[in-house]
């Protein structure tokens, strides 16, 4: 899914959740002459499963001080993936009415 929002502070934000769509948009922006955040876009185009942590560290260096509190280290990224997977499983089992599994997974999430 995608979401485009605007702000009264004279900027827009595009959120794209699919890798193929993100890559397409980044490629089109670079072809059109993107200047601001060009290096970050180029690094992001190189992203794959094998270099996620390396590219993420490079992007953190490019971000400057504005992202100093929102960057996760390698262990934090891995934990984030685990939490996401577990919450997806919780939603699935909750939708199926499997309360015992949901409670068990919630405990696992907190532990």
PDB file of N, CA and C in Angstrom:
ATOM      1  N   UNK A   1       0.834  -1.187   0.000  1.00  0.00           N
ATOM      2  CA  UNK A   1       0.000   0.000   0.000  1.00  0.00           C
ATOM      3  C   UNK A   1       0.878   1.249   0.000  1.00  0.00           C
ATOM      4  N   UNK A   2       0.296   2.353  -0.373  1.00  0.00           N
ATOM      5  CA  UNK A   2       1.015   3.618  -0.434  1.00  0.00           C
ATOM      6  C   UNK A   2       0.183   4.694   0.232  1.00  0.00           C
ATOM      7  N   UNK A   3       0.862   5.744   0.686  1.00  0.00           N
ATOM      8  CA  UNK A   3       0.171   6.861   1.320  1.00  0.00           C
ATOM      9  C   UNK A   3       0.948   8.130   1.028  1.00  0.00           C
ATOM     10  N   UNK A   4       0.264   9.152   0.519  1.00  0.00           N
ATOM     11  CA  UNK A   4       0.883  10.441   0.256  1.00  0.00           C
ATOM     12  C   UNK A   4       0.208  11.465   1.141  1.00  0.00           C
ATOM     13  N   UNK A   5       1.005  12.155   1.953  1.00  0.00           N
ATOM     14  CA  UNK A   5       0.447  13.180   2.822  1.00  0.00           C
ATOM     15  C   UNK A   5       1.250  14.458   2.681  1.00  0.00           C
ATOM     16  N   UNK A   6       0.596  15.581   2.943  1.00  0.00           N
ATOM     17  CA  UNK A   6       1.250  16.880   2.869  1.00  0.00           C
ATOM     18  C   UNK A   6       1.226  17.524   4.235  1.00  0.00           C
ATOM     19  N   UNK A   7       2.094  18.505   4.400  1.00  0.00           N
ATOM     20  CA  UNK A   7       2.188  19.198   5.671  1.00  0.00           C
ATOM     21  C   UNK A   7       2.127  20.695   5.432  1.00  0.00           C
ATOM     22  N   UNK A   8       1.711  21.418   6.424  1.00  0.00           N
ATOM     23  CA  UNK A   8       1.706  22.874   6.324  1.00  0.00           C
ATOM     24  C   UNK A   8       3.124  23.437   6.387  1.00  0.00           C
ATOM     25  N   UNK A   9       4.108  22.573   6.648  1.00  0.00           N
ATOM     26  CA  UNK A   9       5.490  23.021   6.752  1.00  0.00           C
ATOM     27  C   UNK A   9       6.214  22.897   5.416  1.00  0.00           C
ATOM     28  N   UNK A  10       5.467  22.830   4.312  1.00  0.00           N
ATOM     29  CA  UNK A  10       6.011  22.866   2.963  1.00  0.00           C
ATOM     30  C   UNK A  10       6.828  21.624   2.597  1.00  0.00           C
ATOM     31  N   UNK A  11       6.333  20.461   2.929  1.00  0.00           N
ATOM     32  CA  UNK A  11       6.932  19.223   2.461  1.00  0.00           C
ATOM     33  C   UNK A  11       5.841  18.173   2.310  1.00  0.00           C
ATOM     34  N   UNK A  12       6.149  17.148   1.545  1.00  0.00           N
ATOM     35  CA  UNK A  12       5.241  16.020   1.367  1.00  0.00           C
ATOM     36  C   UNK A  12       5.970  14.755   1.794  1.00  0.00           C
ATOM     37  N   UNK A  13       5.206  13.770   2.151  1.00  0.00           N
ATOM     38  CA  UNK A  13       5.776  12.497   2.585  1.00  0.00           C
ATOM     39  C   UNK A  13       5.057  11.378   1.851  1.00  0.00           C
ATOM     40  N   UNK A  14       5.823  10.525   1.200  1.00  0.00           N
ATOM     41  CA  UNK A  14       5.281   9.370   0.504  1.00  0.00           C
ATOM     42  C   UNK A  14       5.742   8.121   1.233  1.00  0.00           C
ATOM     43  N   UNK A  15       4.798   7.303   1.662  1.00  0.00           N
ATOM     44  CA  UNK A  15       5.104   6.055   2.340  1.00  0.00           C
ATOM     45  C   UNK A  15       4.716   4.913   1.410  1.00  0.00           C
ATOM     46  N   UNK A  16       5.691   4.071   1.064  1.00  0.00           N
ATOM     47  CA  UNK A  16       5.463   2.935   0.177  1.00  0.00           C
ATOM     48  C   UNK A  16       5.933   1.686   0.905  1.00  0.00           C
ATOM     49  N   UNK A  17       5.089   0.681   0.983  1.00  0.00           N
ATOM     50  CA  UNK A  17       5.404  -0.508   1.775  1.00  0.00           C
ATOM     51  C   UNK A  17       5.854  -1.701   0.947  1.00  0.00           C
ATOM     52  N   UNK A  18       5.907  -1.579  -0.363  1.00  0.00           N
ATOM     53  CA  UNK A  18       6.339  -2.697  -1.212  1.00  0.00           C
ATOM     54  C   UNK A  18       7.710  -2.394  -1.789  1.00  0.00           C
ATOM     55  N   UNK A  19       8.624  -3.365  -1.694  1.00  0.00           N
ATOM     56  CA  UNK A  19       9.992  -3.164  -2.176  1.00  0.00           C
ATOM     57  C   UNK A  19      10.051  -2.843  -3.657  1.00  0.00           C
ATOM     58  N   UNK A  20       9.292  -3.574  -4.477  1.00  0.00           N
ATOM     59  CA  UNK A  20       9.364  -3.339  -5.917  1.00  0.00           C
ATOM     60  C   UNK A  20       8.857  -1.957  -6.282  1.00  0.00           C
ATOM     61  N   UNK A  21       7.812  -1.497  -5.614  1.00  0.00           N
ATOM     62  CA  UNK A  21       7.287  -0.155  -5.865  1.00  0.00           C
ATOM     63  C   UNK A  21       8.279   0.899  -5.391  1.00  0.00           C
ATOM     64  N   UNK A  22       8.889   0.675  -4.234  1.00  0.00           N
ATOM     65  CA  UNK A  22       9.890   1.618  -3.717  1.00  0.00           C
ATOM     66  C   UNK A  22      11.055   1.758  -4.677  1.00  0.00           C
ATOM     67  N   UNK A  23      11.544   0.634  -5.168  1.00  0.00           N
ATOM     68  CA  UNK A  23      12.675   0.667  -6.109  1.00  0.00           C
ATOM     69  C   UNK A  23      12.300   1.394  -7.393  1.00  0.00           C
ATOM     70  N   UNK A  24      11.094   1.157  -7.886  1.00  0.00           N
ATOM     71  CA  UNK A  24      10.634   1.827  -9.099  1.00  0.00           C
ATOM     72  C   UNK A  24      10.599   3.345  -8.892  1.00  0.00           C
ATOM     73  N   UNK A  25      10.026   3.774  -7.768  1.00  0.00           N
ATOM     74  CA  UNK A  25       9.926   5.209  -7.478  1.00  0.00           C
ATOM     75  C   UNK A  25      11.308   5.820  -7.304  1.00  0.00           C
ATOM     76  N   UNK A  26      12.190   5.161  -6.568  1.00  0.00           N
ATOM     77  CA  UNK A  26      13.556   5.676  -6.394  1.00  0.00           C
ATOM     78  C   UNK A  26      14.265   5.820  -7.735  1.00  0.00           C
ATOM     79  N   UNK A  27      14.128   4.813  -8.592  1.00  0.00           N
ATOM     80  CA  UNK A  27      14.763   4.856  -9.908  1.00  0.00           C
ATOM     81  C   UNK A  27      14.227   6.015 -10.736  1.00  0.00           C
ATOM     82  N   UNK A  28      12.915   6.216 -10.702  1.00  0.00           N
ATOM     83  CA  UNK A  28      12.306   7.326 -11.460  1.00  0.00           C
ATOM     84  C   UNK A  28      12.748   8.679 -10.907  1.00  0.00           C
ATOM     85  N   UNK A  29      12.842   8.812  -9.593  1.00  0.00           N
ATOM     86  CA  UNK A  29      13.300  10.068  -8.991  1.00  0.00           C
ATOM     87  C   UNK A  29      14.751  10.361  -9.381  1.00  0.00           C
ATOM     88  N   UNK A  30      15.592   9.342  -9.350  1.00  0.00           N
ATOM     89  CA  UNK A  30      16.992   9.538  -9.740  1.00  0.00           C
ATOM     90  C   UNK A  30      17.107   9.898 -11.221  1.00  0.00           C
ATOM     91  N   UNK A  31      16.330   9.234 -12.070  1.00  0.00           N
ATOM     92  CA  UNK A  31      16.338   9.553 -13.501  1.00  0.00           C
ATOM     93  C   UNK A  31      15.868  10.975 -13.767  1.00  0.00           C
ATOM     94  N   UNK A  32      14.965  11.463 -12.909  1.00  0.00           N
ATOM     95  CA  UNK A  32      14.425  12.808 -13.090  1.00  0.00           C
ATOM     96  C   UNK A  32      15.346  13.884 -12.523  1.00  0.00           C
ATOM     97  N   UNK A  33      16.466  13.483 -11.929  1.00  0.00           N
ATOM     98  CA  UNK A  33      17.438  14.460 -11.443  1.00  0.00           C
ATOM     99  C   UNK A  33      17.331  14.790  -9.972  1.00  0.00           C
ATOM    100  N   UNK A  34      16.891  13.855  -9.172  1.00  0.00           N
ATOM    101  CA  UNK A  34      16.802  14.068  -7.725  1.00  0.00           C
ATOM    102  C   UNK A  34      18.117  14.621  -7.192  1.00  0.00           C
ATOM    103  N   UNK A  35      18.054  15.710  -6.457  1.00  0.00           N
ATOM    104  CA  UNK A  35      19.262  16.321  -5.892  1.00  0.00           C
ATOM    105  C   UNK A  35      19.344  16.111  -4.392  1.00  0.00           C
ATOM    106  N   UNK A  36      18.263  16.450  -3.685  1.00  0.00           N
ATOM    107  CA  UNK A  36      18.250  16.294  -2.240  1.00  0.00           C
ATOM    108  C   UNK A  36      18.062  14.809  -1.932  1.00  0.00           C
ATOM    109  N   UNK A  37      18.889  14.278  -1.079  1.00  0.00           N
ATOM    110  CA  UNK A  37      18.848  12.867  -0.672  1.00  0.00           C
ATOM    111  C   UNK A  37      19.223  11.919  -1.817  1.00  0.00           C
ATOM    112  N   UNK A  38      19.946  12.412  -2.813  1.00  0.00           N
ATOM    113  CA  UNK A  38      20.330  11.582  -3.951  1.00  0.00           C
ATOM    114  C   UNK A  38      21.198  10.394  -3.529  1.00  0.00           C
ATOM    115  N   UNK A  39      22.194  10.657  -2.698  1.00  0.00           N
ATOM    116  CA  UNK A  39      23.091   9.580  -2.265  1.00  0.00           C
ATOM    117  C   UNK A  39      22.318   8.533  -1.466  1.00  0.00           C
ATOM    118  N   UNK A  40      21.406   8.977  -0.610  1.00  0.00           N
ATOM    119  CA  UNK A  40      20.599   8.039   0.170  1.00  0.00           C
ATOM    120  C   UNK A  40      19.730   7.179  -0.751  1.00  0.00           C
ATOM    121  N   UNK A  41      19.172   7.791  -1.776  1.00  0.00           N
ATOM    122  CA  UNK A  41      18.353   7.036  -2.730  1.00  0.00           C
ATOM    123  C   UNK A  41      19.197   6.007  -3.469  1.00  0.00           C
ATOM    124  N   UNK A  42      20.409   6.392  -3.851  1.00  0.00           N
ATOM    125  CA  UNK A  42      21.296   5.461  -4.551  1.00  0.00           C
ATOM    126  C   UNK A  42      21.663   4.288  -3.656  1.00  0.00           C
ATOM    127  N   UNK A  43      21.983   4.555  -2.389  1.00  0.00           N
ATOM    128  CA  UNK A  43      22.294   3.465  -1.459  1.00  0.00           C
ATOM    129  C   UNK A  43      21.079   2.563  -1.281  1.00  0.00           C
ATOM    130  N   UNK A  44      19.893   3.154  -1.184  1.00  0.00           N
ATOM    131  CA  UNK A  44      18.675   2.377  -0.968  1.00  0.00           C
ATOM    132  C   UNK A  44      18.381   1.459  -2.141  1.00  0.00           C
ATOM    133  N   UNK A  45      18.750   1.873  -3.343  1.00  0.00           N
ATOM    134  CA  UNK A  45      18.544   1.008  -4.513  1.00  0.00           C
ATOM    135  C   UNK A  45      19.375  -0.266  -4.419  1.00  0.00           C
ATOM    136  N   UNK A  46      20.478  -0.217  -3.676  1.00  0.00           N
ATOM    137  CA  UNK A  46      21.377  -1.368  -3.541  1.00  0.00           C
ATOM    138  C   UNK A  46      20.919  -2.345  -2.460  1.00  0.00           C
ATOM    139  N   UNK A  47      19.902  -1.989  -1.700  1.00  0.00           N
ATOM    140  CA  UNK A  47      19.457  -2.773  -0.552  1.00  0.00           C
ATOM    141  C   UNK A  47      18.908  -4.136  -0.954  1.00  0.00           C
ATOM    142  N   UNK A  48      19.333  -5.164  -0.240  1.00  0.00           N
ATOM    143  CA  UNK A  48      18.762  -6.504  -0.369  1.00  0.00           C
ATOM    144  C   UNK A  48      18.906  -7.223   0.966  1.00  0.00           C
ATOM    145  N   UNK A  49      18.494  -8.482   1.019  1.00  0.00           N
ATOM    146  CA  UNK A  49      18.519  -9.236   2.282  1.00  0.00           C
ATOM    147  C   UNK A  49      19.927  -9.412   2.844  1.00  0.00           C
ATOM    148  N   UNK A  50      20.933  -9.470   1.975  1.00  0.00           N
ATOM    149  CA  UNK A  50      22.293  -9.764   2.435  1.00  0.00           C
ATOM    150  C   UNK A  50      23.029  -8.540   2.957  1.00  0.00           C
ATOM    151  N   UNK A  51      22.625  -7.337   2.562  1.00  0.00           N
ATOM    152  CA  UNK A  51      23.376  -6.144   2.964  1.00  0.00           C
ATOM    153  C   UNK A  51      22.541  -5.149   3.773  1.00  0.00           C
ATOM    154  N   UNK A  52      21.441  -5.599   4.313  1.00  0.00           N
ATOM    155  CA  UNK A  52      20.516  -4.712   5.032  1.00  0.00           C
ATOM    156  C   UNK A  52      21.213  -3.899   6.118  1.00  0.00           C
ATOM    157  N   UNK A  53      21.974  -4.562   6.972  1.00  0.00           N
ATOM    158  CA  UNK A  53      22.605  -3.863   8.089  1.00  0.00           C
ATOM    159  C   UNK A  53      23.669  -2.881   7.600  1.00  0.00           C
ATOM    160  N   UNK A  54      24.446  -3.279   6.590  1.00  0.00           N
ATOM    161  CA  UNK A  54      25.492  -2.406   6.034  1.00  0.00           C
ATOM    162  C   UNK A  54      24.888  -1.140   5.410  1.00  0.00           C
ATOM    163  N   UNK A  55      23.875  -1.303   4.576  1.00  0.00           N
ATOM    164  CA  UNK A  55      23.227  -0.146   3.932  1.00  0.00           C
ATOM    165  C   UNK A  55      22.561   0.729   4.982  1.00  0.00           C
ATOM    166  N   UNK A  56      21.947   0.106   5.974  1.00  0.00           N
ATOM    167  CA  UNK A  56      21.282   0.867   7.043  1.00  0.00           C
ATOM    168  C   UNK A  56      22.283   1.748   7.794  1.00  0.00           C
ATOM    169  N   UNK A  57      23.485   1.217   8.045  1.00  0.00           N
ATOM    170  CA  UNK A  57      24.517   2.015   8.709  1.00  0.00           C
ATOM    171  C   UNK A  57      24.959   3.176   7.833  1.00  0.00           C
ATOM    172  N   UNK A  58      25.097   2.940   6.525  1.00  0.00           N
ATOM    173  CA  UNK A  58      25.467   4.021   5.614  1.00  0.00           C
ATOM    174  C   UNK A  58      24.396   5.108   5.597  1.00  0.00           C
ATOM    175  N   UNK A  59      23.132   4.711   5.579  1.00  0.00           N
ATOM    176  CA  UNK A  59      22.042   5.686   5.580  1.00  0.00           C
ATOM    177  C   UNK A  59      22.004   6.472   6.892  1.00  0.00           C
ATOM    178  N   UNK A  60      22.301   5.818   7.997  1.00  0.00           N
ATOM    179  CA  UNK A  60      22.318   6.513   9.283  1.00  0.00           C
ATOM    180  C   UNK A  60      23.378   7.612   9.284  1.00  0.00           C
ATOM    181  N   UNK A  61      24.514   7.349   8.656  1.00  0.00           N
ATOM    182  CA  UNK A  61      25.567   8.368   8.579  1.00  0.00           C
ATOM    183  C   UNK A  61      25.141   9.542   7.713  1.00  0.00           C
ATOM    184  N   UNK A  62      24.344   9.267   6.686  1.00  0.00           N
ATOM    185  CA  UNK A  62      23.874  10.331   5.793  1.00  0.00           C
ATOM    186  C   UNK A  62      22.762  11.167   6.415  1.00  0.00           C
ATOM    187  N   UNK A  63      22.044  10.593   7.377  1.00  0.00           N
ATOM    188  CA  UNK A  63      20.851  11.245   7.915  1.00  0.00           C
ATOM    189  C   UNK A  63      21.176  12.455   8.782  1.00  0.00           C
ATOM    190  N   UNK A  64      22.366  12.522   9.330  1.00  0.00           N
ATOM    191  CA  UNK A  64      22.682  13.644  10.205  1.00  0.00           C
ATOM    192  C   UNK A  64      22.027  13.478  11.563  1.00  0.00           C
ATOM    193  N   UNK A  65      21.934  14.560  12.283  1.00  0.00           N
ATOM    194  CA  UNK A  65      21.426  14.509  13.664  1.00  0.00           C
ATOM    195  C   UNK A  65      19.937  14.272  13.766  1.00  0.00           C
ATOM    196  N   UNK A  66      19.168  14.559  12.694  1.00  0.00           N
ATOM    197  CA  UNK A  66      17.718  14.454  12.834  1.00  0.00           C
ATOM    198  C   UNK A  66      17.250  13.024  13.091  1.00  0.00           C
ATOM    199  N   UNK A  67      18.038  12.014  12.750  1.00  0.00           N
ATOM    200  CA  UNK A  67      17.623  10.634  12.963  1.00  0.00           C
ATOM    201  C   UNK A  67      18.355   9.935  14.086  1.00  0.00           C
ATOM    202  N   UNK A  68      19.020  10.675  14.951  1.00  0.00           N
ATOM    203  CA  UNK A  68      19.893  10.042  15.940  1.00  0.00           C
ATOM    204  C   UNK A  68      19.154   9.169  16.945  1.00  0.00           C
ATOM    205  N   UNK A  69      17.869   9.410  17.168  1.00  0.00           N
ATOM    206  CA  UNK A  69      17.133   8.616  18.144  1.00  0.00           C
ATOM    207  C   UNK A  69      16.286   7.522  17.502  1.00  0.00           C
ATOM    208  N   UNK A  70      16.191   7.485  16.193  1.00  0.00           N
ATOM    209  CA  UNK A  70      15.307   6.530  15.537  1.00  0.00           C
ATOM    210  C   UNK A  70      16.044   5.392  14.858  1.00  0.00           C
ATOM    211  N   UNK A  71      17.368   5.334  14.941  1.00  0.00           N
ATOM    212  CA  UNK A  71      18.144   4.289  14.278  1.00  0.00           C
ATOM    213  C   UNK A  71      18.340   3.101  15.216  1.00  0.00           C
ATOM    214  N   UNK A  72      18.126   1.916  14.675  1.00  0.00           N
ATOM    215  CA  UNK A  72      18.340   0.699  15.444  1.00  0.00           C
ATOM    216  C   UNK A  72      19.675   0.078  15.059  1.00  0.00           C
ATOM    217  N   UNK A  73      20.338  -0.546  16.023  1.00  0.00           N
ATOM    218  CA  UNK A  73      21.549  -1.295  15.693  1.00  0.00           C
ATOM    219  C   UNK A  73      21.132  -2.655  15.130  1.00  0.00           C
ATOM    220  N   UNK A  74      22.112  -3.500  14.823  1.00  0.00           N
ATOM    221  CA  UNK A  74      21.826  -4.796  14.211  1.00  0.00           C
ATOM    222  C   UNK A  74      20.879  -5.635  15.067  1.00  0.00           C
ATOM    223  N   UNK A  75      21.148  -5.679  16.365  1.00  0.00           N
ATOM    224  CA  UNK A  75      20.297  -6.467  17.266  1.00  0.00           C
ATOM    225  C   UNK A  75      18.888  -5.881  17.317  1.00  0.00           C
ATOM    226  N   UNK A  76      18.777  -4.573  17.301  1.00  0.00           N
ATOM    227  CA  UNK A  76      17.471  -3.926  17.316  1.00  0.00           C
ATOM    228  C   UNK A  76      16.672  -4.213  16.058  1.00  0.00           C
ATOM    229  N   UNK A  77      17.353  -4.223  14.907  1.00  0.00           N
ATOM    230  CA  UNK A  77      16.687  -4.561  13.640  1.00  0.00           C
ATOM    231  C   UNK A  77      16.169  -5.994  13.673  1.00  0.00           C
ATOM    232  N   UNK A  78      16.982  -6.885  14.175  1.00  0.00           N
ATOM    233  CA  UNK A  78      16.576  -8.286  14.241  1.00  0.00           C
ATOM    234  C   UNK A  78      15.388  -8.452  15.185  1.00  0.00           C
ATOM    235  N   UNK A  79      15.420  -7.799  16.324  1.00  0.00           N
ATOM    236  CA  UNK A  79      14.305  -7.875  17.279  1.00  0.00           C
ATOM    237  C   UNK A  79      13.039  -7.283  16.668  1.00  0.00           C
ATOM    238  N   UNK A  80      13.184  -6.195  15.913  1.00  0.00           N
ATOM    239  CA  UNK A  80      12.045  -5.575  15.247  1.00  0.00           C
ATOM    240  C   UNK A  80      11.384  -6.547  14.269  1.00  0.00           C
ATOM    241  N   UNK A  81      12.189  -7.295  13.525  1.00  0.00           N
ATOM    242  CA  UNK A  81      11.643  -8.295  12.596  1.00  0.00           C
ATOM    243  C   UNK A  81      10.887  -9.381  13.351  1.00  0.00           C
ATOM    244  N   UNK A  82      11.455  -9.818  14.484  1.00  0.00           N
ATOM    245  CA  UNK A  82      10.795 -10.842  15.288  1.00  0.00           C
ATOM    246  C   UNK A  82       9.462 -10.342  15.826  1.00  0.00           C
ATOM    247  N   UNK A  83       9.452  -9.116  16.313  1.00  0.00           N
ATOM    248  CA  UNK A  83       8.214  -8.531  16.854  1.00  0.00           C
ATOM    249  C   UNK A  83       7.167  -8.413  15.754  1.00  0.00           C
ATOM    250  N   UNK A  84       7.582  -7.959  14.588  1.00  0.00           N
ATOM    251  CA  UNK A  84       6.635  -7.824  13.472  1.00  0.00           C
ATOM    252  C   UNK A  84       6.025  -9.176  13.111  1.00  0.00           C
ATOM    253  N   UNK A  85       6.880 -10.202  12.991  1.00  0.00           N
ATOM    254  CA  UNK A  85       6.387 -11.534  12.655  1.00  0.00           C
ATOM    255  C   UNK A  85       5.421 -12.070  13.696  1.00  0.00           C
ATOM    256  N   UNK A  86       5.759 -11.861  14.944  1.00  0.00           N
ATOM    257  CA  UNK A  86       4.913 -12.340  16.031  1.00  0.00           C
ATOM    258  C   UNK A  86       3.574 -11.600  16.066  1.00  0.00           C
ATOM    259  N   UNK A  87       3.587 -10.304  15.863  1.00  0.00           N
ATOM    260  CA  UNK A  87       2.326  -9.549  15.872  1.00  0.00           C
ATOM    261  C   UNK A  87       1.441  -9.947  14.690  1.00  0.00           C
ATOM    262  N   UNK A  88       2.043 -10.266  13.554  1.00  0.00           N
ATOM    263  CA  UNK A  88       1.254 -10.760  12.407  1.00  0.00           C
ATOM    264  C   UNK A  88       0.588 -12.087  12.751  1.00  0.00           C
ATOM    265  N   UNK A  89       1.354 -12.973  13.403  1.00  0.00           N
ATOM    266  CA  UNK A  89       0.796 -14.262  13.814  1.00  0.00           C
ATOM    267  C   UNK A  89      -0.305 -14.072  14.856  1.00  0.00           C
ATOM    268  N   UNK A  90      -0.131 -13.127  15.767  1.00  0.00           N
ATOM    269  CA  UNK A  90      -1.159 -12.856  16.780  1.00  0.00           C
ATOM    270  C   UNK A  90      -2.453 -12.401  16.106  1.00  0.00           C
ATOM    271  N   UNK A  91      -2.340 -11.471  15.151  1.00  0.00           N
ATOM    272  CA  UNK A  91      -3.542 -10.999  14.440  1.00  0.00           C
ATOM    273  C   UNK A  91      -4.231 -12.150  13.703  1.00  0.00           C
ATOM    274  N   UNK A  92      -3.440 -12.994  13.067  1.00  0.00           N
ATOM    275  CA  UNK A  92      -4.001 -14.133  12.319  1.00  0.00           C
ATOM    276  C   UNK A  92      -4.784 -15.048  13.254  1.00  0.00           C
ATOM    277  N   UNK A  93      -4.157 -15.449  14.361  1.00  0.00           N
ATOM    278  CA  UNK A  93      -4.822 -16.372  15.289  1.00  0.00           C
ATOM    279  C   UNK A  93      -6.007 -15.714  15.983  1.00  0.00           C
ATOM    280  N   UNK A  94      -5.914 -14.414  16.243  1.00  0.00           N
ATOM    281  CA  UNK A  94      -7.051 -13.703  16.851  1.00  0.00           C
ATOM    282  C   UNK A  94      -8.240 -13.698  15.895  1.00  0.00           C
ATOM    283  N   UNK A  95      -7.975 -13.497  14.614  1.00  0.00           N
ATOM    284  CA  UNK A  95      -9.050 -13.496  13.623  1.00  0.00           C
ATOM    285  C   UNK A  95      -9.712 -14.866  13.510  1.00  0.00           C
ATOM    286  N   UNK A  96      -8.955 -15.926  13.800  1.00  0.00           N
ATOM    287  CA  UNK A  96      -9.487 -17.287  13.757  1.00  0.00           C
ATOM    288  C   UNK A  96     -10.139 -17.692  15.071  1.00  0.00           C
ATOM    289  N   UNK A  97     -10.080 -16.796  16.080  1.00  0.00           N
ATOM    290  CA  UNK A  97     -10.696 -17.087  17.368  1.00  0.00           C
ATOM    291  C   UNK A  97      -9.888 -18.024  18.248  1.00  0.00           C
ATOM    292  N   UNK A  98      -8.610 -18.118  17.999  1.00  0.00           N
ATOM    293  CA  UNK A  98      -7.727 -19.021  18.754  1.00  0.00           C
ATOM    294  C   UNK A  98      -7.115 -18.279  19.948  1.00  0.00           C
ATOM    295  N   UNK A  99      -7.911 -18.086  20.952  1.00  0.00           N
ATOM    296  CA  UNK A  99      -7.530 -17.264  22.108  1.00  0.00           C
ATOM    297  C   UNK A  99      -6.327 -17.815  22.871  1.00  0.00           C
ATOM    298  N   UNK A 100      -6.243 -19.120  23.016  1.00  0.00           N
ATOM    299  CA  UNK A 100      -5.126 -19.708  23.766  1.00  0.00           C
ATOM    300  C   UNK A 100      -3.793 -19.412  23.078  1.00  0.00           C
ATOM    301  N   UNK A 101      -3.756 -19.572  21.754  1.00  0.00           N
ATOM    302  CA  UNK A 101      -2.532 -19.281  21.012  1.00  0.00           C
ATOM    303  C   UNK A 101      -2.181 -17.798  21.102  1.00  0.00           C
ATOM    304  N   UNK A 102      -3.202 -16.951  21.018  1.00  0.00           N
ATOM    305  CA  UNK A 102      -2.985 -15.504  21.096  1.00  0.00           C
ATOM    306  C   UNK A 102      -2.373 -15.136  22.439  1.00  0.00           C
ATOM    307  N   UNK A 103      -2.915 -15.653  23.521  1.00  0.00           N
ATOM    308  CA  UNK A 103      -2.391 -15.345  24.855  1.00  0.00           C
ATOM    309  C   UNK A 103      -0.958 -15.844  25.015  1.00  0.00           C
ATOM    310  N   UNK A 104      -0.688 -17.034  24.493  1.00  0.00           N
ATOM    311  CA  UNK A 104       0.661 -17.591  24.560  1.00  0.00           C
ATOM    312  C   UNK A 104       1.655 -16.712  23.794  1.00  0.00           C
ATOM    313  N   UNK A 105       1.258 -16.282  22.609  1.00  0.00           N
ATOM    314  CA  UNK A 105       2.153 -15.444  21.801  1.00  0.00           C
ATOM    315  C   UNK A 105       2.327 -14.051  22.405  1.00  0.00           C
ATOM    316  N   UNK A 106       1.297 -13.537  23.050  1.00  0.00           N
ATOM    317  CA  UNK A 106       1.427 -12.244  23.712  1.00  0.00           C
ATOM    318  C   UNK A 106       2.459 -12.329  24.844  1.00  0.00           C
ATOM    319  N   UNK A 107       2.439 -13.436  25.586  1.00  0.00           N
ATOM    320  CA  UNK A 107       3.429 -13.646  26.629  1.00  0.00           C
ATOM    321  C   UNK A 107       4.835 -13.733  26.040  1.00  0.00           C
ATOM    322  N   UNK A 108       4.937 -14.433  24.914  1.00  0.00           N
ATOM    323  CA  UNK A 108       6.229 -14.547  24.218  1.00  0.00           C
ATOM    324  C   UNK A 108       6.707 -13.170  23.745  1.00  0.00           C
ATOM    325  N   UNK A 109       5.786 -12.356  23.290  1.00  0.00           N
ATOM    326  CA  UNK A 109       6.130 -11.011  22.837  1.00  0.00           C
ATOM    327  C   UNK A 109       6.673 -10.151  23.982  1.00  0.00           C
ATOM    328  N   UNK A 110       6.082 -10.286  25.148  1.00  0.00           N
ATOM    329  CA  UNK A 110       6.519  -9.502  26.305  1.00  0.00           C
ATOM    330  C   UNK A 110       7.800 -10.052  26.923  1.00  0.00           C
ATOM    331  N   UNK A 111       8.068 -11.328  26.729  1.00  0.00           N
ATOM    332  CA  UNK A 111       9.217 -11.972  27.357  1.00  0.00           C
ATOM    333  C   UNK A 111      10.425 -11.879  26.565  1.00  0.00           C
TER     334      UNK A 111
END
